[in-house]
């Protein structure tokens, strides 16, 4: 009789818990938007956390309309530069890259990251796409860590940022206008809106099953160990299944948090820098963003922002009313 085999059913959730391939995340999907063509993503560096007082904007909250204290995360978001425009076509296997149009005004420091095309003729490159069926338009943008005091690196990070909204022709014209120029956080989001945040979490190294999976300790009458797994599984099948909680890597995983509220966008970092600077980061000297709540990752880590793909929360007609942002020292906190 034949042995029937079938693929595993269901979601594996966050397993396997392996280390991320790089310290900043990858975004595989982008939502569709209704407004005009604009950039759907951005990136910034996590400075730290503090607390603020604001008028509760949630209509169903018990403290609606009252002043409440909330935790906030500070992201330093210096302008990003557009190095190239990448165009996609739709195939039976999904989106496929048609080609790229590079700018001649790319910073030379980007050569530390990848080879930069020299004497690139953008006008001829655009002519090659005449008559092609373009499905998606994205920017190749890179960060400017040299502007950030708290990040001890010079080599920028490069990533794709999708241009959404409007028609394909409008997106292409908008991408042409941005090629070789800087884009700011205000080109992506405004105060009071919701965004998704993707980051690589804080690494905790090799940990046991109790800390990694939250299993119970064995009885104190156990003869040898208390922080081990009681059993690796039944006799059949004759192997250890991947669902058995065991020790291994914890942390340094890519995670995405949906629907985080942007409370404030500012240009003067002194407004949110605590006395003595943020722990393990220092002073904020570039434009900043205040996010309601906590986000993954340690200080200095690059955080990617995106339009909400599962939009939720209350639609605000105006920005939240922040009455106070704490700048007290975090030393010894």
C-alpha atoms as a PDB file:
ATOM      1  CA  UNK A   1       0.000   0.000   0.000  1.00  0.00           C
ATOM      2  CA  UNK A   2       1.307   3.430  -0.918  1.00  0.00           C
ATOM      3  CA  UNK A   3       2.471   5.765   1.818  1.00  0.00           C
ATOM      4  CA  UNK A   4       0.505   9.004   1.600  1.00  0.00           C
ATOM      5  CA  UNK A   5       2.511  12.156   2.241  1.00  0.00           C
ATOM      6  CA  UNK A   6       1.252  15.688   2.514  1.00  0.00           C
ATOM      7  CA  UNK A   7       2.701  19.057   3.497  1.00  0.00           C
ATOM      8  CA  UNK A   8       2.384  20.305   7.046  1.00  0.00           C
ATOM      9  CA  UNK A   9      -0.832  22.232   7.693  1.00  0.00           C
ATOM     10  CA  UNK A  10      -1.230  25.459   9.609  1.00  0.00           C
ATOM     11  CA  UNK A  11       1.016  28.331  10.520  1.00  0.00           C
ATOM     12  CA  UNK A  12       4.414  27.897  12.157  1.00  0.00           C
ATOM     13  CA  UNK A  13       4.004  31.334  13.752  1.00  0.00           C
ATOM     14  CA  UNK A  14       7.419  32.718  14.711  1.00  0.00           C
ATOM     15  CA  UNK A  15       9.288  29.420  14.310  1.00  0.00           C
ATOM     16  CA  UNK A  16      12.063  28.724  13.564  1.00  0.00           C
ATOM     17  CA  UNK A  17      13.531  31.289  15.919  1.00  0.00           C
ATOM     18  CA  UNK A  18      16.753  31.903  14.046  1.00  0.00           C
ATOM     19  CA  UNK A  19      18.931  34.993  13.833  1.00  0.00           C
ATOM     20  CA  UNK A  20      18.008  37.639  11.299  1.00  0.00           C
ATOM     21  CA  UNK A  21      20.221  37.846   8.232  1.00  0.00           C
ATOM     22  CA  UNK A  22      20.939  41.552   8.704  1.00  0.00           C
ATOM     23  CA  UNK A  23      20.375  44.166  11.403  1.00  0.00           C
ATOM     24  CA  UNK A  24      17.569  45.980   9.563  1.00  0.00           C
ATOM     25  CA  UNK A  25      14.316  44.385   8.394  1.00  0.00           C
ATOM     26  CA  UNK A  26      12.947  43.458   4.996  1.00  0.00           C
ATOM     27  CA  UNK A  27       9.443  44.432   3.851  1.00  0.00           C
ATOM     28  CA  UNK A  28       7.740  42.040   1.427  1.00  0.00           C
ATOM     29  CA  UNK A  29       4.297  43.631   1.078  1.00  0.00           C
ATOM     30  CA  UNK A  30       2.874  47.115   0.691  1.00  0.00           C
ATOM     31  CA  UNK A  31      -0.759  48.270   1.034  1.00  0.00           C
ATOM     32  CA  UNK A  32      -2.733  50.044  -1.656  1.00  0.00           C
ATOM     33  CA  UNK A  33      -3.665  53.661  -0.941  1.00  0.00           C
ATOM     34  CA  UNK A  34      -6.303  55.981  -2.377  1.00  0.00           C
ATOM     35  CA  UNK A  35      -4.654  59.399  -2.251  1.00  0.00           C
ATOM     36  CA  UNK A  36      -2.204  60.840  -4.764  1.00  0.00           C
ATOM     37  CA  UNK A  37       1.229  59.393  -5.506  1.00  0.00           C
ATOM     38  CA  UNK A  38       3.525  59.471  -2.502  1.00  0.00           C
ATOM     39  CA  UNK A  39       6.220  57.468  -0.737  1.00  0.00           C
ATOM     40  CA  UNK A  40       4.834  54.627   1.399  1.00  0.00           C
ATOM     41  CA  UNK A  41       7.825  54.012   3.658  1.00  0.00           C
ATOM     42  CA  UNK A  42      10.697  55.564   5.569  1.00  0.00           C
ATOM     43  CA  UNK A  43      13.451  54.636   8.008  1.00  0.00           C
ATOM     44  CA  UNK A  44      14.899  56.053  11.211  1.00  0.00           C
ATOM     45  CA  UNK A  45      17.095  55.229  14.180  1.00  0.00           C
ATOM     46  CA  UNK A  46      15.725  54.337  17.591  1.00  0.00           C
ATOM     47  CA  UNK A  47      16.962  56.797  20.202  1.00  0.00           C
ATOM     48  CA  UNK A  48      15.093  55.586  23.288  1.00  0.00           C
ATOM     49  CA  UNK A  49      11.917  56.000  25.312  1.00  0.00           C
ATOM     50  CA  UNK A  50      10.418  58.622  27.566  1.00  0.00           C
ATOM     51  CA  UNK A  51       6.920  59.572  28.698  1.00  0.00           C
ATOM     52  CA  UNK A  52       4.514  62.294  27.681  1.00  0.00           C
ATOM     53  CA  UNK A  53       1.173  63.773  28.702  1.00  0.00           C
ATOM     54  CA  UNK A  54      -1.566  64.113  26.119  1.00  0.00           C
ATOM     55  CA  UNK A  55      -5.314  64.553  25.914  1.00  0.00           C
ATOM     56  CA  UNK A  56      -6.772  61.074  25.445  1.00  0.00           C
ATOM     57  CA  UNK A  57      -8.035  60.945  21.856  1.00  0.00           C
ATOM     58  CA  UNK A  58      -9.758  57.537  22.125  1.00  0.00           C
ATOM     59  CA  UNK A  59     -13.540  58.122  22.225  1.00  0.00           C
ATOM     60  CA  UNK A  60     -14.373  54.825  23.993  1.00  0.00           C
ATOM     61  CA  UNK A  61     -11.667  55.140  26.644  1.00  0.00           C
ATOM     62  CA  UNK A  62     -12.555  55.702  30.302  1.00  0.00           C
ATOM     63  CA  UNK A  63     -10.264  58.729  30.260  1.00  0.00           C
ATOM     64  CA  UNK A  64     -11.461  60.156  26.937  1.00  0.00           C
ATOM     65  CA  UNK A  65     -10.841  63.902  26.798  1.00  0.00           C
ATOM     66  CA  UNK A  66      -8.681  63.839  29.929  1.00  0.00           C
ATOM     67  CA  UNK A  67      -4.947  64.355  30.239  1.00  0.00           C
ATOM     68  CA  UNK A  68      -3.167  61.002  30.567  1.00  0.00           C
ATOM     69  CA  UNK A  69       0.432  59.848  30.768  1.00  0.00           C
ATOM     70  CA  UNK A  70       1.637  57.544  27.978  1.00  0.00           C
ATOM     71  CA  UNK A  71       4.976  55.927  27.096  1.00  0.00           C
ATOM     72  CA  UNK A  72       6.517  57.174  23.855  1.00  0.00           C
ATOM     73  CA  UNK A  73       9.437  56.082  21.696  1.00  0.00           C
ATOM     74  CA  UNK A  74      11.705  58.629  20.018  1.00  0.00           C
ATOM     75  CA  UNK A  75      12.961  57.905  16.494  1.00  0.00           C
ATOM     76  CA  UNK A  76      15.566  60.115  14.853  1.00  0.00           C
ATOM     77  CA  UNK A  77      14.656  60.420  11.177  1.00  0.00           C
ATOM     78  CA  UNK A  78      17.215  62.359   9.101  1.00  0.00           C
ATOM     79  CA  UNK A  79      16.333  62.823   5.422  1.00  0.00           C
ATOM     80  CA  UNK A  80      16.876  59.903   3.059  1.00  0.00           C
ATOM     81  CA  UNK A  81      18.274  60.216  -0.465  1.00  0.00           C
ATOM     82  CA  UNK A  82      16.891  58.610  -3.613  1.00  0.00           C
ATOM     83  CA  UNK A  83      19.603  56.800  -5.561  1.00  0.00           C
ATOM     84  CA  UNK A  84      17.492  55.112  -8.236  1.00  0.00           C
ATOM     85  CA  UNK A  85      14.015  54.253  -9.468  1.00  0.00           C
ATOM     86  CA  UNK A  86      13.174  50.574  -9.939  1.00  0.00           C
ATOM     87  CA  UNK A  87      10.293  49.440 -12.156  1.00  0.00           C
ATOM     88  CA  UNK A  88       8.419  46.132 -12.018  1.00  0.00           C
ATOM     89  CA  UNK A  89       6.243  44.176 -14.425  1.00  0.00           C
ATOM     90  CA  UNK A  90       3.658  41.524 -13.606  1.00  0.00           C
ATOM     91  CA  UNK A  91       4.368  37.942 -14.688  1.00  0.00           C
ATOM     92  CA  UNK A  92       2.748  34.585 -14.019  1.00  0.00           C
ATOM     93  CA  UNK A  93       5.264  34.161 -11.205  1.00  0.00           C
ATOM     94  CA  UNK A  94       4.616  37.553  -9.630  1.00  0.00           C
ATOM     95  CA  UNK A  95       6.412  40.876  -9.901  1.00  0.00           C
ATOM     96  CA  UNK A  96       9.673  40.909 -11.845  1.00  0.00           C
ATOM     97  CA  UNK A  97      12.189  43.728 -12.131  1.00  0.00           C
ATOM     98  CA  UNK A  98      12.312  45.403 -15.541  1.00  0.00           C
ATOM     99  CA  UNK A  99      15.190  47.750 -14.822  1.00  0.00           C
ATOM    100  CA  UNK A 100      16.489  50.719 -12.893  1.00  0.00           C
ATOM    101  CA  UNK A 101      17.214  54.373 -13.523  1.00  0.00           C
ATOM    102  CA  UNK A 102      20.080  55.721 -11.435  1.00  0.00           C
ATOM    103  CA  UNK A 103      20.898  59.262 -10.413  1.00  0.00           C
ATOM    104  CA  UNK A 104      24.254  60.893 -11.091  1.00  0.00           C
ATOM    105  CA  UNK A 105      24.104  62.758  -7.795  1.00  0.00           C
ATOM    106  CA  UNK A 106      24.691  59.734  -5.569  1.00  0.00           C
ATOM    107  CA  UNK A 107      27.008  60.275  -2.589  1.00  0.00           C
ATOM    108  CA  UNK A 108      30.378  58.603  -2.939  1.00  0.00           C
ATOM    109  CA  UNK A 109      30.051  57.108   0.517  1.00  0.00           C
ATOM    110  CA  UNK A 110      27.470  54.765  -1.014  1.00  0.00           C
ATOM    111  CA  UNK A 111      30.374  53.059  -2.812  1.00  0.00           C
ATOM    112  CA  UNK A 112      31.201  51.408   0.509  1.00  0.00           C
ATOM    113  CA  UNK A 113      27.943  49.479   0.123  1.00  0.00           C
ATOM    114  CA  UNK A 114      27.770  48.589  -3.576  1.00  0.00           C
ATOM    115  CA  UNK A 115      29.269  49.524  -6.961  1.00  0.00           C
ATOM    116  CA  UNK A 116      27.841  52.824  -8.204  1.00  0.00           C
ATOM    117  CA  UNK A 117      27.097  53.200 -11.941  1.00  0.00           C
ATOM    118  CA  UNK A 118      29.327  55.865 -13.486  1.00  0.00           C
ATOM    119  CA  UNK A 119      28.205  58.298 -16.204  1.00  0.00           C
ATOM    120  CA  UNK A 120      24.685  56.850 -16.144  1.00  0.00           C
ATOM    121  CA  UNK A 121      22.435  58.323 -18.827  1.00  0.00           C
ATOM    122  CA  UNK A 122      19.021  58.586 -17.191  1.00  0.00           C
ATOM    123  CA  UNK A 123      17.252  59.898 -20.303  1.00  0.00           C
ATOM    124  CA  UNK A 124      18.232  56.847 -22.369  1.00  0.00           C
ATOM    125  CA  UNK A 125      17.247  54.563 -19.513  1.00  0.00           C
ATOM    126  CA  UNK A 126      13.746  56.044 -19.363  1.00  0.00           C
ATOM    127  CA  UNK A 127      13.354  55.561 -23.136  1.00  0.00           C
ATOM    128  CA  UNK A 128      13.857  51.806 -22.762  1.00  0.00           C
ATOM    129  CA  UNK A 129      10.632  51.540 -20.757  1.00  0.00           C
ATOM    130  CA  UNK A 130       8.414  53.136 -23.417  1.00  0.00           C
ATOM    131  CA  UNK A 131       5.658  50.702 -24.332  1.00  0.00           C
ATOM    132  CA  UNK A 132       6.357  48.315 -21.441  1.00  0.00           C
ATOM    133  CA  UNK A 133       3.565  47.238 -19.116  1.00  0.00           C
ATOM    134  CA  UNK A 134       4.738  48.641 -15.773  1.00  0.00           C
ATOM    135  CA  UNK A 135       2.976  47.238 -12.718  1.00  0.00           C
ATOM    136  CA  UNK A 136       4.815  48.845  -9.782  1.00  0.00           C
ATOM    137  CA  UNK A 137       7.192  51.762  -9.112  1.00  0.00           C
ATOM    138  CA  UNK A 138       9.654  51.804  -6.242  1.00  0.00           C
ATOM    139  CA  UNK A 139      12.533  53.964  -5.065  1.00  0.00           C
ATOM    140  CA  UNK A 140      15.981  52.789  -4.056  1.00  0.00           C
ATOM    141  CA  UNK A 141      16.648  55.109  -1.128  1.00  0.00           C
ATOM    142  CA  UNK A 142      19.525  55.157   1.339  1.00  0.00           C
ATOM    143  CA  UNK A 143      19.949  56.531   4.832  1.00  0.00           C
ATOM    144  CA  UNK A 144      22.453  59.142   6.006  1.00  0.00           C
ATOM    145  CA  UNK A 145      23.930  57.862   9.279  1.00  0.00           C
ATOM    146  CA  UNK A 146      26.738  60.429   9.085  1.00  0.00           C
ATOM    147  CA  UNK A 147      24.185  63.037  10.172  1.00  0.00           C
ATOM    148  CA  UNK A 148      23.300  61.111  13.345  1.00  0.00           C
ATOM    149  CA  UNK A 149      25.472  61.667  16.401  1.00  0.00           C
ATOM    150  CA  UNK A 150      24.276  58.583  18.247  1.00  0.00           C
ATOM    151  CA  UNK A 151      25.069  56.046  15.484  1.00  0.00           C
ATOM    152  CA  UNK A 152      28.802  55.298  15.085  1.00  0.00           C
ATOM    153  CA  UNK A 153      28.760  54.317  11.426  1.00  0.00           C
ATOM    154  CA  UNK A 154      29.233  55.932   8.037  1.00  0.00           C
ATOM    155  CA  UNK A 155      28.076  53.310   5.552  1.00  0.00           C
ATOM    156  CA  UNK A 156      24.416  53.900   4.679  1.00  0.00           C
ATOM    157  CA  UNK A 157      21.670  51.311   4.427  1.00  0.00           C
ATOM    158  CA  UNK A 158      19.766  50.995   1.151  1.00  0.00           C
ATOM    159  CA  UNK A 159      16.174  49.815   0.820  1.00  0.00           C
ATOM    160  CA  UNK A 160      13.155  49.846  -1.457  1.00  0.00           C
ATOM    161  CA  UNK A 161      10.358  52.335  -0.833  1.00  0.00           C
ATOM    162  CA  UNK A 162       7.148  51.846  -2.800  1.00  0.00           C
ATOM    163  CA  UNK A 163       5.339  54.717  -4.470  1.00  0.00           C
ATOM    164  CA  UNK A 164       1.590  54.208  -4.177  1.00  0.00           C
ATOM    165  CA  UNK A 165      -1.581  56.044  -5.100  1.00  0.00           C
ATOM    166  CA  UNK A 166      -2.682  57.534  -8.391  1.00  0.00           C
ATOM    167  CA  UNK A 167      -2.056  55.978 -11.794  1.00  0.00           C
ATOM    168  CA  UNK A 168       1.150  54.320 -12.950  1.00  0.00           C
ATOM    169  CA  UNK A 169       1.973  57.345 -15.118  1.00  0.00           C
ATOM    170  CA  UNK A 170       1.556  59.666 -12.124  1.00  0.00           C
ATOM    171  CA  UNK A 171       3.773  57.436 -10.012  1.00  0.00           C
ATOM    172  CA  UNK A 172       6.510  57.470 -12.638  1.00  0.00           C
ATOM    173  CA  UNK A 173       6.380  61.266 -12.916  1.00  0.00           C
ATOM    174  CA  UNK A 174       6.520  61.552  -9.140  1.00  0.00           C
ATOM    175  CA  UNK A 175       9.522  59.179  -9.029  1.00  0.00           C
ATOM    176  CA  UNK A 176      11.313  61.243 -11.685  1.00  0.00           C
ATOM    177  CA  UNK A 177      10.847  64.359  -9.570  1.00  0.00           C
ATOM    178  CA  UNK A 178      12.462  62.636  -6.557  1.00  0.00           C
ATOM    179  CA  UNK A 179      15.417  61.024  -8.348  1.00  0.00           C
ATOM    180  CA  UNK A 180      18.668  62.194  -6.762  1.00  0.00           C
ATOM    181  CA  UNK A 181      16.883  64.350  -4.163  1.00  0.00           C
ATOM    182  CA  UNK A 182      16.202  64.093  -0.443  1.00  0.00           C
ATOM    183  CA  UNK A 183      12.913  62.900   0.983  1.00  0.00           C
ATOM    184  CA  UNK A 184      11.737  63.831   4.462  1.00  0.00           C
ATOM    185  CA  UNK A 185       9.583  62.073   7.029  1.00  0.00           C
ATOM    186  CA  UNK A 186       6.772  64.536   6.260  1.00  0.00           C
ATOM    187  CA  UNK A 187       6.686  63.215   2.680  1.00  0.00           C
ATOM    188  CA  UNK A 188       5.632  59.866   4.136  1.00  0.00           C
ATOM    189  CA  UNK A 189       3.404  60.463   7.174  1.00  0.00           C
ATOM    190  CA  UNK A 190       1.663  63.191   9.138  1.00  0.00           C
ATOM    191  CA  UNK A 191       0.937  63.587  12.837  1.00  0.00           C
ATOM    192  CA  UNK A 192      -1.914  61.484  14.167  1.00  0.00           C
ATOM    193  CA  UNK A 193      -1.767  58.764  11.508  1.00  0.00           C
ATOM    194  CA  UNK A 194      -1.128  55.051  12.027  1.00  0.00           C
ATOM    195  CA  UNK A 195       1.914  53.233  10.655  1.00  0.00           C
ATOM    196  CA  UNK A 196       3.486  49.782  10.781  1.00  0.00           C
ATOM    197  CA  UNK A 197       6.928  49.411  12.330  1.00  0.00           C
ATOM    198  CA  UNK A 198       9.382  46.647  11.419  1.00  0.00           C
ATOM    199  CA  UNK A 199      12.637  46.059  13.262  1.00  0.00           C
ATOM    200  CA  UNK A 200      15.067  43.394  14.402  1.00  0.00           C
ATOM    201  CA  UNK A 201      14.593  42.703  18.095  1.00  0.00           C
ATOM    202  CA  UNK A 202      17.225  42.901  20.799  1.00  0.00           C
ATOM    203  CA  UNK A 203      19.458  39.801  20.695  1.00  0.00           C
ATOM    204  CA  UNK A 204      19.696  37.649  23.837  1.00  0.00           C
ATOM    205  CA  UNK A 205      22.010  34.903  22.582  1.00  0.00           C
ATOM    206  CA  UNK A 206      21.661  31.181  23.291  1.00  0.00           C
ATOM    207  CA  UNK A 207      18.994  30.543  25.930  1.00  0.00           C
ATOM    208  CA  UNK A 208      17.353  27.524  27.521  1.00  0.00           C
ATOM    209  CA  UNK A 209      13.841  26.243  26.972  1.00  0.00           C
ATOM    210  CA  UNK A 210      12.395  27.873  30.102  1.00  0.00           C
ATOM    211  CA  UNK A 211      13.335  31.403  29.081  1.00  0.00           C
ATOM    212  CA  UNK A 212      12.925  30.801  25.344  1.00  0.00           C
ATOM    213  CA  UNK A 213       9.516  29.130  25.388  1.00  0.00           C
ATOM    214  CA  UNK A 214       8.163  29.783  28.881  1.00  0.00           C
ATOM    215  CA  UNK A 215       7.771  26.111  29.850  1.00  0.00           C
ATOM    216  CA  UNK A 216       7.300  25.177  33.512  1.00  0.00           C
ATOM    217  CA  UNK A 217      10.126  24.119  35.780  1.00  0.00           C
ATOM    218  CA  UNK A 218      10.267  20.430  36.599  1.00  0.00           C
ATOM    219  CA  UNK A 219       9.530  19.225  40.119  1.00  0.00           C
ATOM    220  CA  UNK A 220      12.140  19.766  42.803  1.00  0.00           C
ATOM    221  CA  UNK A 221      12.169  15.985  43.193  1.00  0.00           C
ATOM    222  CA  UNK A 222      13.603  15.594  39.716  1.00  0.00           C
ATOM    223  CA  UNK A 223      16.904  13.767  40.047  1.00  0.00           C
ATOM    224  CA  UNK A 224      19.133  15.784  37.729  1.00  0.00           C
ATOM    225  CA  UNK A 225      17.717  19.008  36.272  1.00  0.00           C
ATOM    226  CA  UNK A 226      14.814  21.403  36.745  1.00  0.00           C
ATOM    227  CA  UNK A 227      15.148  23.655  33.656  1.00  0.00           C
ATOM    228  CA  UNK A 228      15.068  20.899  31.046  1.00  0.00           C
ATOM    229  CA  UNK A 229      12.241  19.476  28.960  1.00  0.00           C
ATOM    230  CA  UNK A 230      10.504  16.505  30.576  1.00  0.00           C
ATOM    231  CA  UNK A 231      10.282  14.593  27.296  1.00  0.00           C
ATOM    232  CA  UNK A 232      11.411  15.031  23.715  1.00  0.00           C
ATOM    233  CA  UNK A 233       8.301  13.255  22.431  1.00  0.00           C
ATOM    234  CA  UNK A 234       6.849   9.755  21.924  1.00  0.00           C
ATOM    235  CA  UNK A 235       8.694   6.699  20.641  1.00  0.00           C
ATOM    236  CA  UNK A 236       7.014   7.021  17.236  1.00  0.00           C
ATOM    237  CA  UNK A 237       7.961   8.757  15.008  1.00  0.00           C
ATOM    238  CA  UNK A 238      11.591   8.038  15.651  1.00  0.00           C
ATOM    239  CA  UNK A 239      12.756  11.639  15.551  1.00  0.00           C
ATOM    240  CA  UNK A 240      12.337  14.804  17.588  1.00  0.00           C
ATOM    241  CA  UNK A 241       9.616  17.000  16.141  1.00  0.00           C
ATOM    242  CA  UNK A 242      10.334  20.691  15.524  1.00  0.00           C
ATOM    243  CA  UNK A 243       7.441  21.656  17.795  1.00  0.00           C
ATOM    244  CA  UNK A 244       9.282  20.400  20.902  1.00  0.00           C
ATOM    245  CA  UNK A 245      10.525  23.434  22.921  1.00  0.00           C
ATOM    246  CA  UNK A 246      14.294  23.288  23.141  1.00  0.00           C
ATOM    247  CA  UNK A 247      17.164  25.670  23.769  1.00  0.00           C
ATOM    248  CA  UNK A 248      18.579  27.885  21.044  1.00  0.00           C
ATOM    249  CA  UNK A 249      18.776  31.428  19.755  1.00  0.00           C
ATOM    250  CA  UNK A 250      16.533  34.012  21.412  1.00  0.00           C
ATOM    251  CA  UNK A 251      16.128  37.535  20.119  1.00  0.00           C
ATOM    252  CA  UNK A 252      17.612  39.208  17.039  1.00  0.00           C
ATOM    253  CA  UNK A 253      14.495  38.228  15.083  1.00  0.00           C
ATOM    254  CA  UNK A 254      12.639  40.390  12.583  1.00  0.00           C
ATOM    255  CA  UNK A 255       9.278  41.478  13.947  1.00  0.00           C
ATOM    256  CA  UNK A 256       6.560  43.814  12.673  1.00  0.00           C
ATOM    257  CA  UNK A 257       4.165  45.721  14.912  1.00  0.00           C
ATOM    258  CA  UNK A 258       0.957  46.906  13.279  1.00  0.00           C
ATOM    259  CA  UNK A 259      -0.887  50.190  13.803  1.00  0.00           C
ATOM    260  CA  UNK A 260       1.387  52.393  15.892  1.00  0.00           C
ATOM    261  CA  UNK A 261       0.227  56.002  16.314  1.00  0.00           C
ATOM    262  CA  UNK A 262       2.475  58.900  15.270  1.00  0.00           C
ATOM    263  CA  UNK A 263       2.004  61.445  18.042  1.00  0.00           C
ATOM    264  CA  UNK A 264       4.375  64.180  16.936  1.00  0.00           C
ATOM    265  CA  UNK A 265       6.887  65.090  14.225  1.00  0.00           C
ATOM    266  CA  UNK A 266       9.459  67.759  15.040  1.00  0.00           C
ATOM    267  CA  UNK A 267      12.618  69.342  13.638  1.00  0.00           C
ATOM    268  CA  UNK A 268      14.362  70.379  16.871  1.00  0.00           C
ATOM    269  CA  UNK A 269      15.770  67.343  18.675  1.00  0.00           C
ATOM    270  CA  UNK A 270      16.384  69.357  21.840  1.00  0.00           C
ATOM    271  CA  UNK A 271      12.635  69.252  22.481  1.00  0.00           C
ATOM    272  CA  UNK A 272      12.790  65.531  23.302  1.00  0.00           C
ATOM    273  CA  UNK A 273      16.433  64.896  24.260  1.00  0.00           C
ATOM    274  CA  UNK A 274      16.634  64.185  28.018  1.00  0.00           C
ATOM    275  CA  UNK A 275      19.266  65.756  30.239  1.00  0.00           C
ATOM    276  CA  UNK A 276      22.494  63.890  29.606  1.00  0.00           C
ATOM    277  CA  UNK A 277      21.146  62.360  26.398  1.00  0.00           C
ATOM    278  CA  UNK A 278      19.443  59.045  25.790  1.00  0.00           C
ATOM    279  CA  UNK A 279      21.117  56.015  27.310  1.00  0.00           C
ATOM    280  CA  UNK A 280      23.473  54.277  24.855  1.00  0.00           C
ATOM    281  CA  UNK A 281      22.528  56.840  22.192  1.00  0.00           C
ATOM    282  CA  UNK A 282      23.155  60.463  23.084  1.00  0.00           C
ATOM    283  CA  UNK A 283      21.508  63.555  21.666  1.00  0.00           C
ATOM    284  CA  UNK A 284      18.893  63.833  18.930  1.00  0.00           C
ATOM    285  CA  UNK A 285      20.101  66.442  16.428  1.00  0.00           C
ATOM    286  CA  UNK A 286      17.872  65.707  13.407  1.00  0.00           C
ATOM    287  CA  UNK A 287      14.111  65.603  12.808  1.00  0.00           C
ATOM    288  CA  UNK A 288      12.371  63.176  15.133  1.00  0.00           C
ATOM    289  CA  UNK A 289       9.136  61.203  15.448  1.00  0.00           C
ATOM    290  CA  UNK A 290       7.280  60.341  18.650  1.00  0.00           C
ATOM    291  CA  UNK A 291       5.578  56.931  18.512  1.00  0.00           C
ATOM    292  CA  UNK A 292       2.885  55.923  21.007  1.00  0.00           C
ATOM    293  CA  UNK A 293       4.184  52.929  22.990  1.00  0.00           C
ATOM    294  CA  UNK A 294       7.244  50.759  22.574  1.00  0.00           C
ATOM    295  CA  UNK A 295       8.794  49.283  19.437  1.00  0.00           C
ATOM    296  CA  UNK A 296      11.220  46.375  18.874  1.00  0.00           C
ATOM    297  CA  UNK A 297      14.980  46.692  18.944  1.00  0.00           C
ATOM    298  CA  UNK A 298      17.662  48.355  21.078  1.00  0.00           C
ATOM    299  CA  UNK A 299      18.932  51.911  20.796  1.00  0.00           C
ATOM    300  CA  UNK A 300      20.800  52.828  17.567  1.00  0.00           C
ATOM    301  CA  UNK A 301      18.971  50.144  15.568  1.00  0.00           C
ATOM    302  CA  UNK A 302      17.506  51.069  12.192  1.00  0.00           C
ATOM    303  CA  UNK A 303      13.692  50.985  12.224  1.00  0.00           C
ATOM    304  CA  UNK A 304      11.594  50.778   9.062  1.00  0.00           C
ATOM    305  CA  UNK A 305       8.220  52.489   8.793  1.00  0.00           C
ATOM    306  CA  UNK A 306       5.393  51.627   6.401  1.00  0.00           C
ATOM    307  CA  UNK A 307       1.774  52.519   5.702  1.00  0.00           C
ATOM    308  CA  UNK A 308      -0.565  50.317   7.778  1.00  0.00           C
ATOM    309  CA  UNK A 309      -1.378  47.090   5.961  1.00  0.00           C
ATOM    310  CA  UNK A 310      -4.127  46.133   8.459  1.00  0.00           C
ATOM    311  CA  UNK A 311      -5.461  49.557   9.225  1.00  0.00           C
ATOM    312  CA  UNK A 312      -7.059  49.964  12.648  1.00  0.00           C
ATOM    313  CA  UNK A 313      -7.521  52.496  15.390  1.00  0.00           C
ATOM    314  CA  UNK A 314      -9.410  55.775  15.463  1.00  0.00           C
ATOM    315  CA  UNK A 315      -9.194  58.169  12.517  1.00  0.00           C
ATOM    316  CA  UNK A 316      -8.195  61.534  13.931  1.00  0.00           C
ATOM    317  CA  UNK A 317      -9.193  64.765  12.211  1.00  0.00           C
ATOM    318  CA  UNK A 318      -6.319  66.615  13.890  1.00  0.00           C
ATOM    319  CA  UNK A 319      -3.032  65.731  15.540  1.00  0.00           C
ATOM    320  CA  UNK A 320      -3.043  64.532  19.179  1.00  0.00           C
ATOM    321  CA  UNK A 321      -2.749  67.309  21.752  1.00  0.00           C
ATOM    322  CA  UNK A 322       0.584  66.740  23.528  1.00  0.00           C
ATOM    323  CA  UNK A 323       0.848  68.912  26.617  1.00  0.00           C
ATOM    324  CA  UNK A 324       4.214  67.717  27.954  1.00  0.00           C
ATOM    325  CA  UNK A 325       7.159  65.552  26.883  1.00  0.00           C
ATOM    326  CA  UNK A 326       9.541  64.510  29.645  1.00  0.00           C
ATOM    327  CA  UNK A 327      13.183  65.553  29.230  1.00  0.00           C
ATOM    328  CA  UNK A 328      14.301  64.440  32.667  1.00  0.00           C
ATOM    329  CA  UNK A 329      17.551  62.506  32.857  1.00  0.00           C
ATOM    330  CA  UNK A 330      17.378  58.775  32.133  1.00  0.00           C
ATOM    331  CA  UNK A 331      20.731  58.107  33.815  1.00  0.00           C
ATOM    332  CA  UNK A 332      20.251  55.400  36.397  1.00  0.00           C
ATOM    333  CA  UNK A 333      16.624  54.911  35.386  1.00  0.00           C
END
